[in-house]
Amino acid sequence: MERQENQKTRKILCNQIIRRAILIFMGFFLGVNIYLANARGILGRQMPMPFGYGIGVVLSGSMEPSLSKNDLIIVKESKELQVNDIVVYEAGKQLVVHRVIQIEGNEVTTQGDANNAADEPFSKDKVLGTVRFRIAGAGRWVTALRKPWVMLILIAMVFALEEYLFQKQQEKEDEELVALQEEIRKLKENSSL
């Protein structure tokens, strides 16, 4: 009997942990997306850099073979640039990911590894940061998750899963209550005999 109670308690605890983990993940996911949307609108930056780091998706093959289209990149703010650094900079309203090939004073010249010609020189203050890490192909997922209809489907799925887990837990509690009531009824019958 005690073993069954421990198993039931573990299952309930496990369900609660799963539910909380899902809610925390979705809260984090929605919070990050809301932050990014507001930061773009308020700060006017295409790549917000909270805590000095940003996330981007490579949109072209200009950096092949170093970076491929749909790679997810982690960018770190950097004031010190060196030749051969792969940087992200703002060119109008677009972000460009290219390699530094020359630095002269406050001007930087970049070029995509797969390009035949260098980019126009630009001011160092246009550089948002240097690429520190990449995850091959993961940009597809990030791009998909940024679409409003995908976010709505995810939110609906999370709420459906949350409701399902809640209903399962309620059914178990109801079954336990019925079993307890039946046991009490039997005890009353036995005690009146």
N, C-alpha and C. Protein backbone atom coordinates (compact mmCIF):
# COMPACT_ATOMS: atom_id res chain seq x y z
N MET A 1 0.82 -1.19 0.00
CA MET A 1 0.00 0.00 0.00
C MET A 1 0.87 1.26 0.00
N GLU A 2 1.89 1.22 0.84
CA GLU A 2 2.77 2.39 0.94
C GLU A 2 3.54 2.59 -0.37
N ARG A 3 3.91 1.48 -1.00
CA ARG A 3 4.64 1.54 -2.28
C ARG A 3 3.76 2.21 -3.34
N GLN A 4 2.47 1.85 -3.38
CA GLN A 4 1.54 2.45 -4.34
C GLN A 4 1.40 3.95 -4.08
N GLU A 5 1.33 4.32 -2.83
CA GLU A 5 1.23 5.74 -2.47
C GLU A 5 2.47 6.51 -2.94
N ASN A 6 3.66 5.91 -2.76
CA ASN A 6 4.89 6.55 -3.20
C ASN A 6 4.92 6.70 -4.71
N GLN A 7 4.46 5.67 -5.43
CA GLN A 7 4.42 5.75 -6.89
C GLN A 7 3.46 6.83 -7.36
N LYS A 8 2.29 6.90 -6.73
CA LYS A 8 1.31 7.94 -7.07
C LYS A 8 1.88 9.32 -6.80
N THR A 9 2.54 9.47 -5.67
CA THR A 9 3.14 10.75 -5.31
C THR A 9 4.22 11.14 -6.32
N ARG A 10 5.04 10.17 -6.73
CA ARG A 10 6.08 10.44 -7.73
C ARG A 10 5.47 10.86 -9.07
N LYS A 11 4.41 10.18 -9.49
CA LYS A 11 3.76 10.53 -10.75
C LYS A 11 3.18 11.94 -10.70
N ILE A 12 2.54 12.27 -9.62
CA ILE A 12 1.97 13.62 -9.46
C ILE A 12 3.08 14.65 -9.48
N LEU A 13 4.15 14.38 -8.75
CA LEU A 13 5.29 15.30 -8.71
C LEU A 13 5.92 15.44 -10.09
N CYS A 14 6.07 14.33 -10.80
CA CYS A 14 6.64 14.35 -12.15
C CYS A 14 5.77 15.19 -13.08
N ASN A 15 4.45 15.00 -13.03
CA ASN A 15 3.55 15.80 -13.86
C ASN A 15 3.65 17.29 -13.54
N GLN A 16 3.75 17.60 -12.26
CA GLN A 16 3.88 19.00 -11.86
C GLN A 16 5.19 19.60 -12.38
N ILE A 17 6.27 18.83 -12.32
CA ILE A 17 7.56 19.30 -12.81
C ILE A 17 7.49 19.53 -14.32
N ILE A 18 6.89 18.59 -15.04
CA ILE A 18 6.76 18.73 -16.49
C ILE A 18 5.93 19.97 -16.82
N ARG A 19 4.82 20.14 -16.15
CA ARG A 19 3.97 21.31 -16.40
C ARG A 19 4.73 22.61 -16.13
N ARG A 20 5.44 22.66 -15.04
CA ARG A 20 6.19 23.89 -14.73
C ARG A 20 7.30 24.14 -15.73
N ALA A 21 8.00 23.08 -16.15
CA ALA A 21 9.06 23.23 -17.14
C ALA A 21 8.51 23.76 -18.46
N ILE A 22 7.36 23.24 -18.87
CA ILE A 22 6.74 23.71 -20.11
C ILE A 22 6.36 25.18 -19.98
N LEU A 23 5.77 25.54 -18.86
CA LEU A 23 5.38 26.94 -18.66
C LEU A 23 6.59 27.86 -18.60
N ILE A 24 7.65 27.43 -17.96
CA ILE A 24 8.86 28.25 -17.89
C ILE A 24 9.46 28.42 -19.29
N PHE A 25 9.53 27.32 -20.05
CA PHE A 25 10.07 27.40 -21.41
C PHE A 25 9.24 28.35 -22.26
N MET A 26 7.92 28.21 -22.23
CA MET A 26 7.07 29.07 -23.04
C MET A 26 7.15 30.52 -22.56
N GLY A 27 7.21 30.72 -21.27
CA GLY A 27 7.35 32.08 -20.76
C GLY A 27 8.66 32.71 -21.23
N PHE A 28 9.72 31.94 -21.17
CA PHE A 28 11.02 32.43 -21.64
C PHE A 28 10.97 32.73 -23.13
N PHE A 29 10.43 31.79 -23.90
CA PHE A 29 10.33 31.93 -25.35
C PHE A 29 9.52 33.17 -25.73
N LEU A 30 8.35 33.33 -25.12
CA LEU A 30 7.53 34.50 -25.42
C LEU A 30 8.19 35.78 -24.94
N GLY A 31 8.80 35.74 -23.78
CA GLY A 31 9.48 36.92 -23.26
C GLY A 31 10.60 37.39 -24.17
N VAL A 32 11.40 36.44 -24.66
CA VAL A 32 12.49 36.79 -25.57
C VAL A 32 11.95 37.39 -26.85
N ASN A 33 10.90 36.78 -27.41
CA ASN A 33 10.32 37.32 -28.64
C ASN A 33 9.72 38.71 -28.44
N ILE A 34 9.05 38.92 -27.32
CA ILE A 34 8.50 40.25 -27.04
C ILE A 34 9.63 41.25 -26.86
N TYR A 35 10.68 40.86 -26.14
CA TYR A 35 11.83 41.75 -25.96
C TYR A 35 12.44 42.11 -27.31
N LEU A 36 12.68 41.12 -28.16
CA LEU A 36 13.31 41.37 -29.45
C LEU A 36 12.45 42.28 -30.32
N ALA A 37 11.15 42.05 -30.33
CA ALA A 37 10.26 42.90 -31.13
C ALA A 37 10.28 44.33 -30.63
N ASN A 38 10.23 44.51 -29.30
CA ASN A 38 10.25 45.86 -28.74
C ASN A 38 11.60 46.53 -28.91
N ALA A 39 12.67 45.76 -28.74
CA ALA A 39 14.02 46.34 -28.88
C ALA A 39 14.25 46.83 -30.30
N ARG A 40 13.77 46.08 -31.28
CA ARG A 40 13.90 46.52 -32.67
C ARG A 40 13.15 47.82 -32.89
N GLY A 41 11.93 47.88 -32.35
CA GLY A 41 11.11 49.08 -32.53
C GLY A 41 11.62 50.28 -31.77
N ILE A 42 12.03 50.07 -30.54
CA ILE A 42 12.44 51.19 -29.68
C ILE A 42 13.87 51.62 -29.99
N LEU A 43 14.79 50.67 -30.04
CA LEU A 43 16.20 50.99 -30.25
C LEU A 43 16.54 51.18 -31.72
N GLY A 44 15.72 50.66 -32.60
CA GLY A 44 15.98 50.78 -34.03
C GLY A 44 17.15 49.92 -34.49
N ARG A 45 17.50 48.90 -33.72
CA ARG A 45 18.59 48.01 -34.10
C ARG A 45 18.01 46.71 -34.62
N GLN A 46 18.61 46.22 -35.68
CA GLN A 46 18.15 44.98 -36.27
C GLN A 46 18.52 43.77 -35.40
N MET A 47 19.59 43.90 -34.62
CA MET A 47 20.02 42.81 -33.75
C MET A 47 20.24 43.36 -32.34
N PRO A 48 19.22 43.25 -31.50
CA PRO A 48 19.41 43.67 -30.10
C PRO A 48 20.50 42.80 -29.46
N MET A 49 21.27 43.41 -28.56
CA MET A 49 22.39 42.70 -27.95
C MET A 49 22.29 42.76 -26.42
N PRO A 50 21.30 42.06 -25.84
CA PRO A 50 21.23 42.06 -24.37
C PRO A 50 22.45 41.37 -23.78
N PHE A 51 23.00 41.96 -22.75
CA PHE A 51 24.17 41.42 -22.07
C PHE A 51 25.37 41.27 -23.00
N GLY A 52 25.37 42.03 -24.10
CA GLY A 52 26.51 42.02 -25.02
C GLY A 52 26.52 40.89 -26.02
N TYR A 53 25.44 40.12 -26.09
CA TYR A 53 25.35 39.01 -27.04
C TYR A 53 24.08 39.12 -27.87
N GLY A 54 24.17 38.66 -29.10
CA GLY A 54 23.02 38.64 -29.98
C GLY A 54 22.97 37.34 -30.77
N ILE A 55 21.82 37.08 -31.33
CA ILE A 55 21.63 35.87 -32.13
C ILE A 55 21.15 36.29 -33.50
N GLY A 56 21.71 35.67 -34.53
CA GLY A 56 21.30 35.98 -35.88
C GLY A 56 21.26 34.73 -36.75
N VAL A 57 20.67 34.90 -37.91
CA VAL A 57 20.58 33.81 -38.88
C VAL A 57 21.26 34.29 -40.16
N VAL A 58 22.15 33.47 -40.70
CA VAL A 58 22.83 33.80 -41.96
C VAL A 58 21.81 33.63 -43.09
N LEU A 59 21.65 34.70 -43.88
CA LEU A 59 20.62 34.70 -44.91
C LEU A 59 21.13 34.44 -46.32
N SER A 60 22.46 34.41 -46.49
CA SER A 60 22.99 34.18 -47.84
C SER A 60 24.21 33.26 -47.77
N GLY A 61 24.71 32.90 -48.93
CA GLY A 61 25.89 32.04 -49.00
C GLY A 61 27.17 32.80 -49.21
N SER A 62 27.18 34.11 -48.94
CA SER A 62 28.37 34.93 -49.20
C SER A 62 29.56 34.57 -48.33
N MET A 63 29.34 33.83 -47.25
CA MET A 63 30.44 33.46 -46.35
C MET A 63 30.80 31.97 -46.45
N GLU A 64 30.32 31.30 -47.50
CA GLU A 64 30.67 29.89 -47.71
C GLU A 64 32.18 29.76 -47.85
N PRO A 65 32.81 28.80 -47.35
CA PRO A 65 32.31 27.66 -46.57
C PRO A 65 32.31 27.92 -45.06
N SER A 66 32.77 29.08 -44.62
CA SER A 66 32.83 29.34 -43.17
C SER A 66 31.45 29.35 -42.53
N LEU A 67 30.52 30.03 -43.17
CA LEU A 67 29.14 30.10 -42.70
C LEU A 67 28.23 29.82 -43.88
N SER A 68 27.19 29.06 -43.64
CA SER A 68 26.24 28.72 -44.70
C SER A 68 24.90 29.38 -44.43
N LYS A 69 24.11 29.47 -45.47
CA LYS A 69 22.76 29.99 -45.33
C LYS A 69 22.01 29.16 -44.30
N ASN A 70 21.26 29.83 -43.44
CA ASN A 70 20.45 29.23 -42.36
C ASN A 70 21.27 28.76 -41.17
N ASP A 71 22.55 29.11 -41.08
CA ASP A 71 23.31 28.86 -39.86
C ASP A 71 22.86 29.85 -38.79
N LEU A 72 22.78 29.40 -37.56
CA LEU A 72 22.49 30.28 -36.44
C LEU A 72 23.83 30.76 -35.89
N ILE A 73 23.97 32.07 -35.72
CA ILE A 73 25.24 32.59 -35.20
C ILE A 73 25.03 33.32 -33.88
N ILE A 74 26.00 33.18 -33.01
CA ILE A 74 26.04 33.92 -31.75
C ILE A 74 27.08 35.02 -31.93
N VAL A 75 26.65 36.24 -31.68
CA VAL A 75 27.49 37.42 -31.91
C VAL A 75 27.77 38.09 -30.57
N LYS A 76 29.05 38.44 -30.34
CA LYS A 76 29.45 39.13 -29.12
C LYS A 76 29.87 40.55 -29.47
N GLU A 77 29.35 41.51 -28.70
CA GLU A 77 29.77 42.90 -28.90
C GLU A 77 31.27 42.99 -28.77
N SER A 78 31.87 43.77 -29.64
CA SER A 78 33.33 43.88 -29.60
C SER A 78 33.75 45.24 -30.12
N LYS A 79 34.56 45.92 -29.35
CA LYS A 79 35.10 47.22 -29.76
C LYS A 79 36.43 47.04 -30.48
N GLU A 80 37.12 45.97 -30.13
CA GLU A 80 38.41 45.69 -30.75
C GLU A 80 38.24 44.73 -31.92
N LEU A 81 38.54 45.20 -33.11
CA LEU A 81 38.43 44.37 -34.30
C LEU A 81 39.82 44.02 -34.82
N GLN A 82 39.90 42.86 -35.42
CA GLN A 82 41.15 42.43 -36.04
C GLN A 82 40.84 41.91 -37.43
N VAL A 83 41.85 41.98 -38.29
CA VAL A 83 41.71 41.40 -39.62
C VAL A 83 41.43 39.91 -39.46
N ASN A 84 40.55 39.38 -40.26
CA ASN A 84 40.08 37.99 -40.26
C ASN A 84 38.92 37.73 -39.31
N ASP A 85 38.54 38.71 -38.47
CA ASP A 85 37.34 38.53 -37.66
C ASP A 85 36.12 38.49 -38.57
N ILE A 86 35.18 37.63 -38.25
CA ILE A 86 33.89 37.64 -38.95
C ILE A 86 32.98 38.53 -38.11
N VAL A 87 32.48 39.59 -38.74
CA VAL A 87 31.70 40.59 -38.02
C VAL A 87 30.28 40.69 -38.58
N VAL A 88 29.41 41.23 -37.75
CA VAL A 88 28.05 41.58 -38.16
C VAL A 88 27.98 43.09 -38.09
N TYR A 89 27.56 43.70 -39.21
CA TYR A 89 27.42 45.16 -39.21
C TYR A 89 26.14 45.57 -39.91
N GLU A 90 25.72 46.79 -39.59
CA GLU A 90 24.50 47.33 -40.18
C GLU A 90 24.83 48.06 -41.46
N ALA A 91 24.15 47.67 -42.52
CA ALA A 91 24.25 48.35 -43.80
C ALA A 91 22.84 48.82 -44.14
N GLY A 92 22.53 50.03 -43.74
CA GLY A 92 21.15 50.52 -43.87
C GLY A 92 20.29 49.79 -42.86
N LYS A 93 19.23 49.15 -43.35
CA LYS A 93 18.34 48.39 -42.46
C LYS A 93 18.63 46.90 -42.50
N GLN A 94 19.73 46.53 -43.14
CA GLN A 94 20.10 45.12 -43.23
C GLN A 94 21.33 44.84 -42.39
N LEU A 95 21.44 43.58 -41.98
CA LEU A 95 22.63 43.13 -41.29
C LEU A 95 23.47 42.33 -42.28
N VAL A 96 24.78 42.55 -42.23
CA VAL A 96 25.70 41.85 -43.11
C VAL A 96 26.70 41.09 -42.24
N VAL A 97 26.98 39.86 -42.63
CA VAL A 97 27.97 39.03 -41.92
C VAL A 97 29.11 38.76 -42.91
N HIS A 98 30.23 39.45 -42.70
CA HIS A 98 31.39 39.28 -43.58
C HIS A 98 32.67 39.32 -42.76
N ARG A 99 33.76 38.96 -43.41
CA ARG A 99 35.07 38.91 -42.76
C ARG A 99 35.79 40.25 -42.94
N VAL A 100 36.46 40.71 -41.88
CA VAL A 100 37.27 41.93 -41.94
C VAL A 100 38.54 41.62 -42.74
N ILE A 101 38.78 42.41 -43.78
CA ILE A 101 40.00 42.21 -44.57
C ILE A 101 40.97 43.37 -44.42
N GLN A 102 40.47 44.51 -43.89
CA GLN A 102 41.37 45.66 -43.72
C GLN A 102 40.77 46.63 -42.69
N ILE A 103 41.66 47.18 -41.86
CA ILE A 103 41.26 48.21 -40.90
C ILE A 103 42.21 49.38 -41.07
N GLU A 104 41.65 50.53 -41.35
CA GLU A 104 42.46 51.76 -41.47
C GLU A 104 41.82 52.83 -40.61
N GLY A 105 42.42 53.09 -39.47
CA GLY A 105 41.87 54.10 -38.56
C GLY A 105 40.51 53.68 -38.07
N ASN A 106 39.49 54.49 -38.40
CA ASN A 106 38.13 54.21 -37.97
C ASN A 106 37.32 53.50 -39.07
N GLU A 107 37.97 53.18 -40.19
CA GLU A 107 37.26 52.53 -41.30
C GLU A 107 37.61 51.05 -41.40
N VAL A 108 36.59 50.27 -41.70
CA VAL A 108 36.73 48.82 -41.82
C VAL A 108 36.29 48.41 -43.23
N THR A 109 37.01 47.49 -43.81
CA THR A 109 36.62 46.92 -45.09
C THR A 109 36.41 45.43 -44.87
N THR A 110 35.29 44.94 -45.38
CA THR A 110 34.95 43.52 -45.23
C THR A 110 34.72 42.90 -46.60
N GLN A 111 34.69 41.57 -46.58
CA GLN A 111 34.39 40.84 -47.81
C GLN A 111 33.85 39.47 -47.43
N GLY A 112 32.85 39.03 -48.16
CA GLY A 112 32.35 37.67 -47.96
C GLY A 112 33.36 36.68 -48.49
N ASP A 113 33.55 35.57 -47.81
CA ASP A 113 34.53 34.56 -48.24
C ASP A 113 34.24 34.06 -49.66
N ALA A 114 32.97 34.02 -50.05
CA ALA A 114 32.61 33.52 -51.37
C ALA A 114 32.49 34.64 -52.41
N ASN A 115 32.73 35.88 -51.99
CA ASN A 115 32.62 37.02 -52.91
C ASN A 115 33.95 37.33 -53.56
N ASN A 116 33.90 37.88 -54.77
CA ASN A 116 35.12 38.25 -55.50
C ASN A 116 35.57 39.67 -55.19
N ALA A 117 34.68 40.50 -54.67
CA ALA A 117 35.01 41.90 -54.43
C ALA A 117 34.75 42.26 -52.98
N ALA A 118 35.52 43.24 -52.51
CA ALA A 118 35.36 43.73 -51.14
C ALA A 118 34.13 44.64 -51.06
N ASP A 119 33.60 44.77 -49.85
CA ASP A 119 32.50 45.70 -49.60
C ASP A 119 33.05 47.11 -49.52
N GLU A 120 32.17 48.08 -49.61
CA GLU A 120 32.57 49.48 -49.43
C GLU A 120 33.05 49.66 -47.99
N PRO A 121 34.14 50.41 -47.76
CA PRO A 121 34.57 50.66 -46.37
C PRO A 121 33.47 51.39 -45.59
N PHE A 122 33.43 51.12 -44.30
CA PHE A 122 32.43 51.76 -43.44
C PHE A 122 33.05 52.03 -42.08
N SER A 123 32.35 52.82 -41.28
CA SER A 123 32.82 53.22 -39.95
C SER A 123 32.73 52.04 -38.98
N LYS A 124 33.73 51.95 -38.07
CA LYS A 124 33.76 50.88 -37.06
C LYS A 124 32.50 50.84 -36.20
N ASP A 125 31.87 52.01 -36.00
CA ASP A 125 30.70 52.03 -35.12
C ASP A 125 29.47 51.35 -35.73
N LYS A 126 29.54 50.96 -36.98
CA LYS A 126 28.46 50.18 -37.61
C LYS A 126 28.55 48.70 -37.24
N VAL A 127 29.71 48.28 -36.73
CA VAL A 127 29.90 46.87 -36.36
C VAL A 127 29.17 46.60 -35.04
N LEU A 128 28.30 45.60 -35.08
CA LEU A 128 27.58 45.21 -33.87
C LEU A 128 28.40 44.27 -33.01
N GLY A 129 29.18 43.40 -33.67
CA GLY A 129 30.00 42.46 -32.92
C GLY A 129 30.64 41.44 -33.83
N THR A 130 31.36 40.52 -33.19
CA THR A 130 32.05 39.46 -33.93
C THR A 130 31.33 38.14 -33.70
N VAL A 131 31.37 37.29 -34.72
CA VAL A 131 30.74 35.98 -34.62
C VAL A 131 31.63 35.10 -33.75
N ARG A 132 31.04 34.54 -32.69
CA ARG A 132 31.78 33.70 -31.75
C ARG A 132 31.47 32.22 -31.90
N PHE A 133 30.28 31.93 -32.42
CA PHE A 133 29.85 30.54 -32.47
C PHE A 133 28.78 30.39 -33.53
N ARG A 134 28.71 29.21 -34.13
CA ARG A 134 27.65 28.95 -35.10
C ARG A 134 27.07 27.56 -34.86
N ILE A 135 25.80 27.44 -35.19
CA ILE A 135 25.12 26.15 -35.14
C ILE A 135 24.57 25.92 -36.54
N ALA A 136 25.15 24.97 -37.23
CA ALA A 136 24.81 24.74 -38.62
C ALA A 136 23.34 24.37 -38.79
N GLY A 137 22.65 25.12 -39.66
CA GLY A 137 21.27 24.83 -40.01
C GLY A 137 20.20 25.19 -39.00
N ALA A 138 20.59 25.57 -37.80
CA ALA A 138 19.61 25.85 -36.74
C ALA A 138 18.81 27.12 -37.01
N GLY A 139 19.29 27.94 -37.91
CA GLY A 139 18.58 29.18 -38.24
C GLY A 139 17.20 28.93 -38.83
N ARG A 140 17.02 27.78 -39.46
CA ARG A 140 15.69 27.44 -40.01
C ARG A 140 14.65 27.41 -38.90
N TRP A 141 15.03 26.83 -37.77
CA TRP A 141 14.10 26.73 -36.65
C TRP A 141 13.80 28.10 -36.07
N VAL A 142 14.83 28.92 -35.93
CA VAL A 142 14.64 30.26 -35.38
C VAL A 142 13.74 31.08 -36.30
N THR A 143 14.00 31.00 -37.60
CA THR A 143 13.19 31.74 -38.57
C THR A 143 11.73 31.27 -38.50
N ALA A 144 11.53 29.97 -38.41
CA ALA A 144 10.17 29.44 -38.32
C ALA A 144 9.48 29.88 -37.04
N LEU A 145 10.20 29.87 -35.92
CA LEU A 145 9.61 30.24 -34.64
C LEU A 145 9.25 31.72 -34.56
N ARG A 146 9.83 32.53 -35.40
CA ARG A 146 9.53 33.96 -35.39
C ARG A 146 8.25 34.31 -36.15
N LYS A 147 7.72 33.36 -36.89
CA LYS A 147 6.48 33.61 -37.64
C LYS A 147 5.31 33.59 -36.66
N PRO A 148 4.42 34.59 -36.76
CA PRO A 148 3.31 34.68 -35.80
C PRO A 148 2.42 33.44 -35.78
N TRP A 149 2.13 32.85 -36.93
CA TRP A 149 1.24 31.70 -36.94
C TRP A 149 1.89 30.49 -36.26
N VAL A 150 3.22 30.37 -36.37
CA VAL A 150 3.92 29.27 -35.70
C VAL A 150 3.86 29.48 -34.19
N MET A 151 4.06 30.74 -33.77
CA MET A 151 3.98 31.04 -32.33
C MET A 151 2.58 30.72 -31.79
N LEU A 152 1.54 31.07 -32.56
CA LEU A 152 0.18 30.78 -32.11
C LEU A 152 -0.06 29.28 -32.00
N ILE A 153 0.44 28.52 -32.96
CA ILE A 153 0.29 27.06 -32.90
C ILE A 153 1.03 26.51 -31.68
N LEU A 154 2.25 27.00 -31.44
CA LEU A 154 3.01 26.54 -30.26
C LEU A 154 2.27 26.87 -28.97
N ILE A 155 1.76 28.06 -28.87
CA ILE A 155 1.04 28.46 -27.66
C ILE A 155 -0.19 27.57 -27.48
N ALA A 156 -0.93 27.33 -28.57
CA ALA A 156 -2.11 26.46 -28.49
C ALA A 156 -1.72 25.05 -28.06
N MET A 157 -0.60 24.54 -28.61
CA MET A 157 -0.15 23.19 -28.25
C MET A 157 0.24 23.13 -26.78
N VAL A 158 0.91 24.15 -26.29
CA VAL A 158 1.33 24.16 -24.88
C VAL A 158 0.10 24.20 -23.98
N PHE A 159 -0.87 25.05 -24.33
CA PHE A 159 -2.07 25.10 -23.50
C PHE A 159 -2.84 23.78 -23.56
N ALA A 160 -2.90 23.15 -24.74
CA ALA A 160 -3.58 21.85 -24.86
C ALA A 160 -2.86 20.80 -24.02
N LEU A 161 -1.53 20.78 -24.07
CA LEU A 161 -0.76 19.83 -23.27
C LEU A 161 -0.95 20.11 -21.78
N GLU A 162 -0.93 21.37 -21.43
CA GLU A 162 -1.13 21.76 -20.03
C GLU A 162 -2.51 21.30 -19.55
N GLU A 163 -3.53 21.51 -20.37
CA GLU A 163 -4.89 21.10 -20.02
C GLU A 163 -4.98 19.58 -19.92
N TYR A 164 -4.34 18.87 -20.83
CA TYR A 164 -4.34 17.41 -20.82
C TYR A 164 -3.71 16.89 -19.53
N LEU A 165 -2.55 17.42 -19.18
CA LEU A 165 -1.89 16.99 -17.94
C LEU A 165 -2.73 17.32 -16.72
N PHE A 166 -3.37 18.48 -16.74
CA PHE A 166 -4.22 18.87 -15.62
C PHE A 166 -5.41 17.91 -15.50
N GLN A 167 -6.05 17.59 -16.64
CA GLN A 167 -7.19 16.66 -16.62
C GLN A 167 -6.78 15.29 -16.12
N LYS A 168 -5.61 14.80 -16.57
CA LYS A 168 -5.12 13.50 -16.11
C LYS A 168 -4.93 13.51 -14.59
N GLN A 169 -4.35 14.59 -14.08
CA GLN A 169 -4.12 14.69 -12.65
C GLN A 169 -5.46 14.74 -11.91
N GLN A 170 -6.43 15.46 -12.45
CA GLN A 170 -7.75 15.54 -11.82
C GLN A 170 -8.43 14.17 -11.80
N GLU A 171 -8.31 13.43 -12.91
CA GLU A 171 -8.91 12.09 -12.98
C GLU A 171 -8.30 11.18 -11.91
N LYS A 172 -6.98 11.24 -11.76
CA LYS A 172 -6.32 10.41 -10.75
C LYS A 172 -6.78 10.79 -9.35
N GLU A 173 -6.87 12.09 -9.10
CA GLU A 173 -7.31 12.55 -7.78
C GLU A 173 -8.76 12.13 -7.52
N ASP A 174 -9.60 12.22 -8.57
CA ASP A 174 -11.00 11.80 -8.42
C ASP A 174 -11.09 10.30 -8.13
N GLU A 175 -10.28 9.49 -8.85
CA GLU A 175 -10.25 8.05 -8.61
C GLU A 175 -9.83 7.74 -7.18
N GLU A 176 -8.81 8.45 -6.70
CA GLU A 176 -8.33 8.25 -5.34
C GLU A 176 -9.41 8.63 -4.33
N LEU A 177 -10.15 9.71 -4.63
CA LEU A 177 -11.21 10.15 -3.73
C LEU A 177 -12.34 9.12 -3.68
N VAL A 178 -12.73 8.59 -4.84
CA VAL A 178 -13.77 7.57 -4.89
C VAL A 178 -13.31 6.33 -4.13
N ALA A 179 -12.05 5.91 -4.32
CA ALA A 179 -11.52 4.74 -3.62
C ALA A 179 -11.50 4.98 -2.12
N LEU A 180 -11.13 6.18 -1.71
CA LEU A 180 -11.10 6.52 -0.29
C LEU A 180 -12.52 6.52 0.29
N GLN A 181 -13.48 7.07 -0.44
CA GLN A 181 -14.86 7.09 0.03
C GLN A 181 -15.41 5.66 0.16
N GLU A 182 -15.05 4.82 -0.81
CA GLU A 182 -15.49 3.41 -0.75
C GLU A 182 -14.88 2.71 0.46
N GLU A 183 -13.62 2.99 0.73
CA GLU A 183 -12.96 2.38 1.88
C GLU A 183 -13.60 2.84 3.18
N ILE A 184 -13.94 4.12 3.25
CA ILE A 184 -14.61 4.66 4.45
C ILE A 184 -15.98 4.01 4.63
N ARG A 185 -16.70 3.86 3.52
CA ARG A 185 -18.02 3.21 3.57
C ARG A 185 -17.90 1.78 4.11
N LYS A 186 -16.89 1.05 3.60
CA LYS A 186 -16.69 -0.34 4.07
C LYS A 186 -16.32 -0.38 5.54
N LEU A 187 -15.47 0.55 5.95
CA LEU A 187 -15.10 0.58 7.38
C LEU A 187 -16.31 0.86 8.26
N LYS A 188 -17.19 1.76 7.79
CA LYS A 188 -18.40 2.06 8.56
C LYS A 188 -19.31 0.86 8.64
N GLU A 189 -19.42 0.12 7.50
CA GLU A 189 -20.25 -1.09 7.50
C GLU A 189 -19.71 -2.12 8.47
N ASN A 190 -18.37 -2.31 8.45
CA ASN A 190 -17.76 -3.30 9.33
C ASN A 190 -17.86 -2.92 10.79
N SER A 191 -17.79 -1.63 11.06
CA SER A 191 -17.84 -1.19 12.45
C SER A 191 -19.28 -1.26 13.01
N SER A 192 -20.27 -1.18 12.16
CA SER A 192 -21.66 -1.26 12.62
C SER A 192 -22.12 -2.70 12.80
N LEU A 193 -21.38 -3.63 12.23
CA LEU A 193 -21.74 -5.04 12.41
C LEU A 193 -21.35 -5.46 13.76
